Amino acid sequence: MDDRARQEGLVPLKDVVADCTRRWFQDALKEARAGDAAMQVLVGQMYHNGYGVPKNDQKANAWITKASKYRSSVWKVSDKRPGYNASDSDSDDNEKIVMKS
């Protein structure tokens, strides 16, 4: 950040986004530790993708495993982007939609 921006109190957008994702991770982690299965999935996804936290596949798998005790479908979304859940459409499915004319 240059001196002028610092004097005006401007913060680069990338720094704002990084701070938001770190705080989102901390909030999700708190809920995951309290037993929320959806947040356990989210924390696993965030660790898997390095989103708001350094990438760590070992921790990602640990959180997904913990969540899978409550929802077996979590493995379907374990490698998806943060926030993706089993009820979302999955473009990776082998099923194809056939449109009739």
PDB file of N, CA and C in Angstrom:
ATOM      1  N   MET A   1       0.855  -1.162   0.000  1.00  0.00           N
ATOM      2  CA  MET A   1       0.000   0.000   0.000  1.00  0.00           C
ATOM      3  C   MET A   1       0.902   1.226   0.000  1.00  0.00           C
ATOM      4  N   ASP A   2       0.592   2.208  -0.850  1.00  0.00           N
ATOM      5  CA  ASP A   2       1.442   3.392  -0.895  1.00  0.00           C
ATOM      6  C   ASP A   2       1.091   4.355   0.247  1.00  0.00           C
ATOM      7  N   ASP A   3       1.958   5.353   0.465  1.00  0.00           N
ATOM      8  CA  ASP A   3       1.785   6.281   1.588  1.00  0.00           C
ATOM      9  C   ASP A   3       0.483   7.068   1.492  1.00  0.00           C
ATOM     10  N   ARG A   4       0.116   7.475   0.274  1.00  0.00           N
ATOM     11  CA  ARG A   4      -1.112   8.265   0.095  1.00  0.00           C
ATOM     12  C   ARG A   4      -2.339   7.450   0.510  1.00  0.00           C
ATOM     13  N   ALA A   5      -2.392   6.212   0.064  1.00  0.00           N
ATOM     14  CA  ALA A   5      -3.520   5.354   0.414  1.00  0.00           C
ATOM     15  C   ALA A   5      -3.566   5.109   1.917  1.00  0.00           C
ATOM     16  N   ARG A   6      -2.405   4.923   2.512  1.00  0.00           N
ATOM     17  CA  ARG A   6      -2.340   4.696   3.958  1.00  0.00           C
ATOM     18  C   ARG A   6      -2.845   5.921   4.713  1.00  0.00           C
ATOM     19  N   GLN A   7      -2.486   7.113   4.251  1.00  0.00           N
ATOM     20  CA  GLN A   7      -2.919   8.341   4.902  1.00  0.00           C
ATOM     21  C   GLN A   7      -4.425   8.538   4.773  1.00  0.00           C
ATOM     22  N   GLU A   8      -4.990   8.117   3.657  1.00  0.00           N
ATOM     23  CA  GLU A   8      -6.422   8.280   3.434  1.00  0.00           C
ATOM     24  C   GLU A   8      -7.228   7.145   4.063  1.00  0.00           C
ATOM     25  N   GLY A   9      -6.558   6.171   4.631  1.00  0.00           N
ATOM     26  CA  GLY A   9      -7.235   5.056   5.271  1.00  0.00           C
ATOM     27  C   GLY A   9      -7.811   4.054   4.287  1.00  0.00           C
ATOM     28  N   LEU A  10      -7.298   4.038   3.068  1.00  0.00           N
ATOM     29  CA  LEU A  10      -7.773   3.103   2.062  1.00  0.00           C
ATOM     30  C   LEU A  10      -7.104   1.752   2.250  1.00  0.00           C
ATOM     31  N   VAL A  11      -7.879   0.710   2.056  1.00  0.00           N
ATOM     32  CA  VAL A  11      -7.363  -0.648   2.181  1.00  0.00           C
ATOM     33  C   VAL A  11      -7.615  -1.355   0.859  1.00  0.00           C
ATOM     34  N   PRO A  12      -6.612  -1.997   0.299  1.00  0.00           N
ATOM     35  CA  PRO A  12      -6.830  -2.720  -0.960  1.00  0.00           C
ATOM     36  C   PRO A  12      -7.926  -3.778  -0.803  1.00  0.00           C
ATOM     37  N   LEU A  13      -8.725  -3.938  -1.854  1.00  0.00           N
ATOM     38  CA  LEU A  13      -9.834  -4.879  -1.826  1.00  0.00           C
ATOM     39  C   LEU A  13      -9.377  -6.293  -1.486  1.00  0.00           C
ATOM     40  N   LYS A  14      -8.220  -6.715  -2.022  1.00  0.00           N
ATOM     41  CA  LYS A  14      -7.739  -8.071  -1.731  1.00  0.00           C
ATOM     42  C   LYS A  14      -7.506  -8.272  -0.237  1.00  0.00           C
ATOM     43  N   ASP A  15      -7.087  -7.229   0.466  1.00  0.00           N
ATOM     44  CA  ASP A  15      -6.881  -7.331   1.910  1.00  0.00           C
ATOM     45  C   ASP A  15      -8.220  -7.413   2.650  1.00  0.00           C
ATOM     46  N   VAL A  16      -9.213  -6.677   2.167  1.00  0.00           N
ATOM     47  CA  VAL A  16     -10.550  -6.714   2.768  1.00  0.00           C
ATOM     48  C   VAL A  16     -11.152  -8.114   2.594  1.00  0.00           C
ATOM     49  N   VAL A  17     -11.048  -8.659   1.371  1.00  0.00           N
ATOM     50  CA  VAL A  17     -11.595  -9.989   1.097  1.00  0.00           C
ATOM     51  C   VAL A  17     -10.880 -11.046   1.930  1.00  0.00           C
ATOM     52  N   ALA A  18      -9.561 -10.956   2.020  1.00  0.00           N
ATOM     53  CA  ALA A  18      -8.802 -11.921   2.823  1.00  0.00           C
ATOM     54  C   ALA A  18      -9.225 -11.877   4.285  1.00  0.00           C
ATOM     55  N   ASP A  19      -9.447 -10.673   4.807  1.00  0.00           N
ATOM     56  CA  ASP A  19      -9.894 -10.537   6.193  1.00  0.00           C
ATOM     57  C   ASP A  19     -11.286 -11.140   6.379  1.00  0.00           C
ATOM     58  N   CYS A  20     -12.175 -10.899   5.421  1.00  0.00           N
ATOM     59  CA  CYS A  20     -13.533 -11.452   5.498  1.00  0.00           C
ATOM     60  C   CYS A  20     -13.518 -12.974   5.481  1.00  0.00           C
ATOM     61  N   THR A  21     -12.700 -13.562   4.610  1.00  0.00           N
ATOM     62  CA  THR A  21     -12.665 -15.027   4.539  1.00  0.00           C
ATOM     63  C   THR A  21     -12.042 -15.615   5.801  1.00  0.00           C
ATOM     64  N   ARG A  22     -11.056 -14.943   6.369  1.00  0.00           N
ATOM     65  CA  ARG A  22     -10.476 -15.422   7.641  1.00  0.00           C
ATOM     66  C   ARG A  22     -11.528 -15.388   8.755  1.00  0.00           C
ATOM     67  N   ARG A  23     -12.292 -14.290   8.805  1.00  0.00           N
ATOM     68  CA  ARG A  23     -13.334 -14.182   9.840  1.00  0.00           C
ATOM     69  C   ARG A  23     -14.444 -15.199   9.601  1.00  0.00           C
ATOM     70  N   TRP A  24     -14.800 -15.435   8.326  1.00  0.00           N
ATOM     71  CA  TRP A  24     -15.817 -16.437   8.000  1.00  0.00           C
ATOM     72  C   TRP A  24     -15.344 -17.812   8.481  1.00  0.00           C
ATOM     73  N   PHE A  25     -14.063 -18.114   8.232  1.00  0.00           N
ATOM     74  CA  PHE A  25     -13.525 -19.390   8.690  1.00  0.00           C
ATOM     75  C   PHE A  25     -13.611 -19.497  10.211  1.00  0.00           C
ATOM     76  N   GLN A  26     -13.219 -18.454  10.919  1.00  0.00           N
ATOM     77  CA  GLN A  26     -13.242 -18.490  12.390  1.00  0.00           C
ATOM     78  C   GLN A  26     -14.660 -18.684  12.917  1.00  0.00           C
ATOM     79  N   ASP A  27     -15.630 -18.004  12.306  1.00  0.00           N
ATOM     80  CA  ASP A  27     -17.028 -18.171  12.714  1.00  0.00           C
ATOM     81  C   ASP A  27     -17.510 -19.600  12.446  1.00  0.00           C
ATOM     82  N   ALA A  28     -17.188 -20.135  11.264  1.00  0.00           N
ATOM     83  CA  ALA A  28     -17.587 -21.498  10.910  1.00  0.00           C
ATOM     84  C   ALA A  28     -16.924 -22.511  11.840  1.00  0.00           C
ATOM     85  N   LEU A  29     -15.657 -22.294  12.156  1.00  0.00           N
ATOM     86  CA  LEU A  29     -14.928 -23.205  13.036  1.00  0.00           C
ATOM     87  C   LEU A  29     -15.559 -23.247  14.425  1.00  0.00           C
ATOM     88  N   LYS A  30     -15.966 -22.102  14.917  1.00  0.00           N
ATOM     89  CA  LYS A  30     -16.610 -22.047  16.243  1.00  0.00           C
ATOM     90  C   LYS A  30     -17.881 -22.899  16.242  1.00  0.00           C
ATOM     91  N   GLU A  31     -18.700 -22.751  15.204  1.00  0.00           N
ATOM     92  CA  GLU A  31     -19.940 -23.522  15.109  1.00  0.00           C
ATOM     93  C   GLU A  31     -19.658 -25.009  14.872  1.00  0.00           C
ATOM     94  N   ALA A  32     -18.634 -25.310  14.076  1.00  0.00           N
ATOM     95  CA  ALA A  32     -18.264 -26.708  13.810  1.00  0.00           C
ATOM     96  C   ALA A  32     -17.841 -27.402  15.094  1.00  0.00           C
ATOM     97  N   ARG A  33     -17.064 -26.712  15.894  1.00  0.00           N
ATOM     98  CA  ARG A  33     -16.616 -27.286  17.172  1.00  0.00           C
ATOM     99  C   ARG A  33     -17.776 -27.523  18.117  1.00  0.00           C
ATOM    100  N   ALA A  34     -18.846 -26.713  17.953  1.00  0.00           N
ATOM    101  CA  ALA A  34     -20.039 -26.858  18.797  1.00  0.00           C
ATOM    102  C   ALA A  34     -20.934 -28.001  18.310  1.00  0.00           C
ATOM    103  N   GLY A  35     -20.581 -28.625  17.177  1.00  0.00           N
ATOM    104  CA  GLY A  35     -21.320 -29.791  16.721  1.00  0.00           C
ATOM    105  C   GLY A  35     -22.220 -29.585  15.519  1.00  0.00           C
ATOM    106  N   ASP A  36     -22.209 -28.397  14.919  1.00  0.00           N
ATOM    107  CA  ASP A  36     -23.042 -28.134  13.745  1.00  0.00           C
ATOM    108  C   ASP A  36     -22.460 -28.868  12.531  1.00  0.00           C
ATOM    109  N   ALA A  37     -23.173 -29.886  12.037  1.00  0.00           N
ATOM    110  CA  ALA A  37     -22.670 -30.713  10.938  1.00  0.00           C
ATOM    111  C   ALA A  37     -22.467 -29.911   9.653  1.00  0.00           C
ATOM    112  N   ALA A  38     -23.363 -28.961   9.375  1.00  0.00           N
ATOM    113  CA  ALA A  38     -23.217 -28.146   8.168  1.00  0.00           C
ATOM    114  C   ALA A  38     -21.942 -27.304   8.237  1.00  0.00           C
ATOM    115  N   MET A  39     -21.641 -26.795   9.422  1.00  0.00           N
ATOM    116  CA  MET A  39     -20.424 -25.998   9.586  1.00  0.00           C
ATOM    117  C   MET A  39     -19.186 -26.889   9.563  1.00  0.00           C
ATOM    118  N   GLN A  40     -19.312 -28.135   9.997  1.00  0.00           N
ATOM    119  CA  GLN A  40     -18.200 -29.073   9.903  1.00  0.00           C
ATOM    120  C   GLN A  40     -17.856 -29.339   8.444  1.00  0.00           C
ATOM    121  N   VAL A  41     -18.879 -29.471   7.609  1.00  0.00           N
ATOM    122  CA  VAL A  41     -18.657 -29.634   6.167  1.00  0.00           C
ATOM    123  C   VAL A  41     -17.980 -28.394   5.610  1.00  0.00           C
ATOM    124  N   LEU A  42     -18.493 -27.224   5.965  1.00  0.00           N
ATOM    125  CA  LEU A  42     -17.930 -25.971   5.466  1.00  0.00           C
ATOM    126  C   LEU A  42     -16.467 -25.827   5.864  1.00  0.00           C
ATOM    127  N   VAL A  43     -16.143 -26.122   7.118  1.00  0.00           N
ATOM    128  CA  VAL A  43     -14.753 -26.035   7.579  1.00  0.00           C
ATOM    129  C   VAL A  43     -13.882 -27.007   6.787  1.00  0.00           C
ATOM    130  N   GLY A  44     -14.391 -28.210   6.558  1.00  0.00           N
ATOM    131  CA  GLY A  44     -13.648 -29.170   5.738  1.00  0.00           C
ATOM    132  C   GLY A  44     -13.401 -28.656   4.336  1.00  0.00           C
ATOM    133  N   GLN A  45     -14.422 -28.053   3.722  1.00  0.00           N
ATOM    134  CA  GLN A  45     -14.274 -27.485   2.386  1.00  0.00           C
ATOM    135  C   GLN A  45     -13.264 -26.339   2.389  1.00  0.00           C
ATOM    136  N   MET A  46     -13.313 -25.517   3.423  1.00  0.00           N
ATOM    137  CA  MET A  46     -12.401 -24.379   3.502  1.00  0.00           C
ATOM    138  C   MET A  46     -10.954 -24.848   3.659  1.00  0.00           C
ATOM    139  N   TYR A  47     -10.746 -25.856   4.490  1.00  0.00           N
ATOM    140  CA  TYR A  47      -9.396 -26.420   4.609  1.00  0.00           C
ATOM    141  C   TYR A  47      -8.955 -27.047   3.286  1.00  0.00           C
ATOM    142  N   HIS A  48      -9.854 -27.761   2.637  1.00  0.00           N
ATOM    143  CA  HIS A  48      -9.517 -28.434   1.376  1.00  0.00           C
ATOM    144  C   HIS A  48      -9.104 -27.437   0.290  1.00  0.00           C
ATOM    145  N   ASN A  49      -9.766 -26.282   0.261  1.00  0.00           N
ATOM    146  CA  ASN A  49      -9.513 -25.281  -0.780  1.00  0.00           C
ATOM    147  C   ASN A  49      -8.552 -24.171  -0.351  1.00  0.00           C
ATOM    148  N   GLY A  50      -8.157 -24.160   0.920  1.00  0.00           N
ATOM    149  CA  GLY A  50      -7.296 -23.075   1.395  1.00  0.00           C
ATOM    150  C   GLY A  50      -8.024 -21.745   1.391  1.00  0.00           C
ATOM    151  N   TYR A  51      -9.276 -21.771   1.769  1.00  0.00           N
ATOM    152  CA  TYR A  51     -10.129 -20.586   1.720  1.00  0.00           C
ATOM    153  C   TYR A  51     -10.284 -20.010   3.117  1.00  0.00           C
ATOM    154  N   GLY A  52      -9.587 -18.913   3.389  1.00  0.00           N
ATOM    155  CA  GLY A  52      -9.634 -18.288   4.706  1.00  0.00           C
ATOM    156  C   GLY A  52      -8.685 -18.909   5.710  1.00  0.00           C
ATOM    157  N   VAL A  53      -7.964 -19.934   5.260  1.00  0.00           N
ATOM    158  CA  VAL A  53      -7.059 -20.681   6.124  1.00  0.00           C
ATOM    159  C   VAL A  53      -6.063 -21.392   5.199  1.00  0.00           C
ATOM    160  N   PRO A  54      -4.848 -21.661   5.656  1.00  0.00           N
ATOM    161  CA  PRO A  54      -3.915 -22.406   4.794  1.00  0.00           C
ATOM    162  C   PRO A  54      -4.483 -23.777   4.423  1.00  0.00           C
ATOM    163  N   LYS A  55      -4.285 -24.188   3.184  1.00  0.00           N
ATOM    164  CA  LYS A  55      -4.793 -25.471   2.705  1.00  0.00           C
ATOM    165  C   LYS A  55      -4.199 -26.607   3.538  1.00  0.00           C
ATOM    166  N   ASN A  56      -5.076 -27.532   3.972  1.00  0.00           N
ATOM    167  CA  ASN A  56      -4.631 -28.653   4.794  1.00  0.00           C
ATOM    168  C   ASN A  56      -5.605 -29.807   4.574  1.00  0.00           C
ATOM    169  N   ASP A  57      -5.248 -30.738   3.696  1.00  0.00           N
ATOM    170  CA  ASP A  57      -6.138 -31.850   3.377  1.00  0.00           C
ATOM    171  C   ASP A  57      -6.353 -32.796   4.549  1.00  0.00           C
ATOM    172  N   GLN A  58      -5.378 -32.921   5.427  1.00  0.00           N
ATOM    173  CA  GLN A  58      -5.543 -33.780   6.605  1.00  0.00           C
ATOM    174  C   GLN A  58      -6.643 -33.236   7.514  1.00  0.00           C
ATOM    175  N   LYS A  59      -6.617 -31.937   7.783  1.00  0.00           N
ATOM    176  CA  LYS A  59      -7.658 -31.326   8.620  1.00  0.00           C
ATOM    177  C   LYS A  59      -9.003 -31.339   7.888  1.00  0.00           C
ATOM    178  N   ALA A  60      -8.960 -31.142   6.566  1.00  0.00           N
ATOM    179  CA  ALA A  60     -10.203 -31.184   5.779  1.00  0.00           C
ATOM    180  C   ALA A  60     -10.870 -32.541   5.934  1.00  0.00           C
ATOM    181  N   ASN A  61     -10.107 -33.603   5.770  1.00  0.00           N
ATOM    182  CA  ASN A  61     -10.662 -34.951   5.900  1.00  0.00           C
ATOM    183  C   ASN A  61     -11.166 -35.225   7.311  1.00  0.00           C
ATOM    184  N   ALA A  62     -10.489 -34.707   8.309  1.00  0.00           N
ATOM    185  CA  ALA A  62     -10.924 -34.913   9.694  1.00  0.00           C
ATOM    186  C   ALA A  62     -12.290 -34.274   9.928  1.00  0.00           C
ATOM    187  N   TRP A  63     -12.487 -33.062   9.416  1.00  0.00           N
ATOM    188  CA  TRP A  63     -13.777 -32.394   9.599  1.00  0.00           C
ATOM    189  C   TRP A  63     -14.880 -33.056   8.788  1.00  0.00           C
ATOM    190  N   ILE A  64     -14.574 -33.488   7.578  1.00  0.00           N
ATOM    191  CA  ILE A  64     -15.571 -34.165   6.756  1.00  0.00           C
ATOM    192  C   ILE A  64     -15.951 -35.501   7.401  1.00  0.00           C
ATOM    193  N   THR A  65     -14.972 -36.201   7.940  1.00  0.00           N
ATOM    194  CA  THR A  65     -15.250 -37.464   8.626  1.00  0.00           C
ATOM    195  C   THR A  65     -16.177 -37.235   9.817  1.00  0.00           C
ATOM    196  N   LYS A  66     -15.896 -36.187  10.575  1.00  0.00           N
ATOM    197  CA  LYS A  66     -16.734 -35.867  11.736  1.00  0.00           C
ATOM    198  C   LYS A  66     -18.160 -35.562  11.279  1.00  0.00           C
ATOM    199  N   ALA A  67     -18.311 -34.786  10.228  1.00  0.00           N
ATOM    200  CA  ALA A  67     -19.646 -34.437   9.726  1.00  0.00           C
ATOM    201  C   ALA A  67     -20.360 -35.646   9.148  1.00  0.00           C
ATOM    202  N   SER A  68     -19.614 -36.589   8.587  1.00  0.00           N
ATOM    203  CA  SER A  68     -20.235 -37.752   7.947  1.00  0.00           C
ATOM    204  C   SER A  68     -20.930 -38.666   8.957  1.00  0.00           C
ATOM    205  N   LYS A  69     -20.618 -38.504  10.214  1.00  0.00           N
ATOM    206  CA  LYS A  69     -21.309 -39.280  11.246  1.00  0.00           C
ATOM    207  C   LYS A  69     -22.774 -38.871  11.344  1.00  0.00           C
ATOM    208  N   TYR A  70     -23.081 -37.656  10.903  1.00  0.00           N
ATOM    209  CA  TYR A  70     -24.441 -37.128  10.968  1.00  0.00           C
ATOM    210  C   TYR A  70     -25.118 -37.114   9.600  1.00  0.00           C
ATOM    211  N   ARG A  71     -24.319 -36.932   8.547  1.00  0.00           N
ATOM    212  CA  ARG A  71     -24.842 -36.866   7.175  1.00  0.00           C
ATOM    213  C   ARG A  71     -23.896 -37.619   6.266  1.00  0.00           C
ATOM    214  N   SER A  72     -24.305 -38.766   5.794  1.00  0.00           N
ATOM    215  CA  SER A  72     -23.415 -39.572   4.954  1.00  0.00           C
ATOM    216  C   SER A  72     -23.149 -38.926   3.593  1.00  0.00           C
ATOM    217  N   SER A  73     -23.993 -37.996   3.175  1.00  0.00           N
ATOM    218  CA  SER A  73     -23.833 -37.364   1.860  1.00  0.00           C
ATOM    219  C   SER A  73     -22.691 -36.354   1.815  1.00  0.00           C
ATOM    220  N   VAL A  74     -22.057 -36.069   2.931  1.00  0.00           N
ATOM    221  CA  VAL A  74     -21.029 -35.023   2.944  1.00  0.00           C
ATOM    222  C   VAL A  74     -19.831 -35.362   2.063  1.00  0.00           C
ATOM    223  N   TRP A  75     -19.544 -36.642   1.870  1.00  0.00           N
ATOM    224  CA  TRP A  75     -18.394 -37.001   1.036  1.00  0.00           C
ATOM    225  C   TRP A  75     -18.615 -36.568  -0.402  1.00  0.00           C
ATOM    226  N   LYS A  76     -19.870 -36.445  -0.816  1.00  0.00           N
ATOM    227  CA  LYS A  76     -20.190 -36.010  -2.177  1.00  0.00           C
ATOM    228  C   LYS A  76     -19.719 -34.577  -2.429  1.00  0.00           C
ATOM    229  N   VAL A  77     -19.670 -33.768  -1.380  1.00  0.00           N
ATOM    230  CA  VAL A  77     -19.326 -32.358  -1.543  1.00  0.00           C
ATOM    231  C   VAL A  77     -18.005 -31.991  -0.880  1.00  0.00           C
ATOM    232  N   SER A  78     -17.282 -32.957  -0.371  1.00  0.00           N
ATOM    233  CA  SER A  78     -16.082 -32.657   0.410  1.00  0.00           C
ATOM    234  C   SER A  78     -15.008 -31.913  -0.375  1.00  0.00           C
ATOM    235  N   ASP A  79     -14.953 -32.117  -1.691  1.00  0.00           N
ATOM    236  CA  ASP A  79     -13.915 -31.450  -2.484  1.00  0.00           C
ATOM    237  C   ASP A  79     -14.452 -30.261  -3.272  1.00  0.00           C
ATOM    238  N   LYS A  80     -15.658 -29.822  -2.955  1.00  0.00           N
ATOM    239  CA  LYS A  80     -16.264 -28.685  -3.648  1.00  0.00           C
ATOM    240  C   LYS A  80     -15.829 -27.381  -3.004  1.00  0.00           C
ATOM    241  N   ARG A  81     -16.169 -26.294  -3.662  1.00  0.00           N
ATOM    242  CA  ARG A  81     -15.833 -24.972  -3.120  1.00  0.00           C
ATOM    243  C   ARG A  81     -16.601 -24.733  -1.822  1.00  0.00           C
ATOM    244  N   PRO A  82     -16.095 -23.857  -0.943  1.00  0.00           N
ATOM    245  CA  PRO A  82     -16.793 -23.575   0.314  1.00  0.00           C
ATOM    246  C   PRO A  82     -18.217 -23.087   0.061  1.00  0.00           C
ATOM    247  N   GLY A  83     -19.143 -23.621   0.840  1.00  0.00           N
ATOM    248  CA  GLY A  83     -20.531 -23.233   0.726  1.00  0.00           C
ATOM    249  C   GLY A  83     -21.352 -24.148  -0.153  1.00  0.00           C
ATOM    250  N   TYR A  84     -20.710 -25.014  -0.926  1.00  0.00           N
ATOM    251  CA  TYR A  84     -21.420 -25.955  -1.791  1.00  0.00           C
ATOM    252  C   TYR A  84     -21.937 -27.081  -0.921  1.00  0.00           C
ATOM    253  N   ASN A  85     -23.217 -27.419  -1.065  1.00  0.00           N
ATOM    254  CA  ASN A  85     -23.721 -28.529  -0.259  1.00  0.00           C
ATOM    255  C   ASN A  85     -24.456 -29.539  -1.117  1.00  0.00           C
ATOM    256  N   ALA A  86     -24.814 -30.633  -0.540  1.00  0.00           N
ATOM    257  CA  ALA A  86     -25.352 -31.768  -1.286  1.00  0.00           C
ATOM    258  C   ALA A  86     -26.644 -31.453  -2.009  1.00  0.00           C
ATOM    259  N   SER A  87     -27.364 -30.455  -1.593  1.00  0.00           N
ATOM    260  CA  SER A  87     -28.615 -30.132  -2.269  1.00  0.00           C
ATOM    261  C   SER A  87     -28.392 -29.249  -3.496  1.00  0.00           C
ATOM    262  N   ASP A  88     -27.188 -28.708  -3.656  1.00  0.00           N
ATOM    263  CA  ASP A  88     -26.883 -27.900  -4.842  1.00  0.00           C
ATOM    264  C   ASP A  88     -26.786 -28.789  -6.062  1.00  0.00           C
ATOM    265  N   SER A  89     -27.043 -28.219  -7.231  1.00  0.00           N
ATOM    266  CA  SER A  89     -26.892 -29.012  -8.444  1.00  0.00           C
ATOM    267  C   SER A  89     -25.423 -29.352  -8.620  1.00  0.00           C
ATOM    268  N   ASP A  90     -25.158 -30.505  -9.184  1.00  0.00           N
ATOM    269  CA  ASP A  90     -23.792 -30.982  -9.317  1.00  0.00           C
ATOM    270  C   ASP A  90     -23.484 -31.217 -10.783  1.00  0.00           C
ATOM    271  N   SER A  91     -22.683 -30.356 -11.369  1.00  0.00           N
ATOM    272  CA  SER A  91     -22.354 -30.494 -12.782  1.00  0.00           C
ATOM    273  C   SER A  91     -21.425 -31.663 -13.037  1.00  0.00           C
ATOM    274  N   ASP A  92     -20.871 -32.250 -11.976  1.00  0.00           N
ATOM    275  CA  ASP A  92     -19.970 -33.382 -12.124  1.00  0.00           C
ATOM    276  C   ASP A  92     -20.703 -34.717 -12.175  1.00  0.00           C
ATOM    277  N   ASP A  93     -22.012 -34.695 -11.954  1.00  0.00           N
ATOM    278  CA  ASP A  93     -22.766 -35.946 -11.986  1.00  0.00           C
ATOM    279  C   ASP A  93     -22.671 -36.586 -13.360  1.00  0.00           C
ATOM    280  N   ASN A  94     -22.743 -37.892 -13.397  1.00  0.00           N
ATOM    281  CA  ASN A  94     -22.683 -38.620 -14.658  1.00  0.00           C
ATOM    282  C   ASN A  94     -24.003 -38.578 -15.405  1.00  0.00           C
ATOM    283  N   GLU A  95     -25.066 -38.184 -14.725  1.00  0.00           N
ATOM    284  CA  GLU A  95     -26.359 -38.117 -15.381  1.00  0.00           C
ATOM    285  C   GLU A  95     -26.386 -36.930 -16.323  1.00  0.00           C
ATOM    286  N   LYS A  96     -26.984 -37.126 -17.479  1.00  0.00           N
ATOM    287  CA  LYS A  96     -27.092 -36.053 -18.455  1.00  0.00           C
ATOM    288  C   LYS A  96     -28.549 -35.673 -18.614  1.00  0.00           C
ATOM    289  N   ILE A  97     -28.783 -34.405 -18.766  1.00  0.00           N
ATOM    290  CA  ILE A  97     -30.131 -33.933 -19.004  1.00  0.00           C
ATOM    291  C   ILE A  97     -30.343 -33.935 -20.503  1.00  0.00           C
ATOM    292  N   VAL A  98     -31.415 -34.583 -20.925  1.00  0.00           N
ATOM    293  CA  VAL A  98     -31.727 -34.662 -22.341  1.00  0.00           C
ATOM    294  C   VAL A  98     -32.938 -33.784 -22.596  1.00  0.00           C
ATOM    295  N   MET A  99     -32.763 -32.833 -23.471  1.00  0.00           N
ATOM    296  CA  MET A  99     -33.863 -31.950 -23.822  1.00  0.00           C
ATOM    297  C   MET A  99     -34.554 -32.469 -25.071  1.00  0.00           C
ATOM    298  N   LYS A 100     -35.860 -32.552 -25.003  1.00  0.00           N
ATOM    299  CA  LYS A 100     -36.627 -32.999 -26.167  1.00  0.00           C
ATOM    300  C   LYS A 100     -37.117 -31.784 -26.920  1.00  0.00           C
ATOM    301  N   SER A 101     -37.078 -31.876 -28.250  1.00  0.00           N
ATOM    302  CA  SER A 101     -37.540 -30.741 -29.041  1.00  0.00           C
ATOM    303  C   SER A 101     -38.957 -30.925 -29.524  1.00  0.00           C
TER     304      SER A 101
END
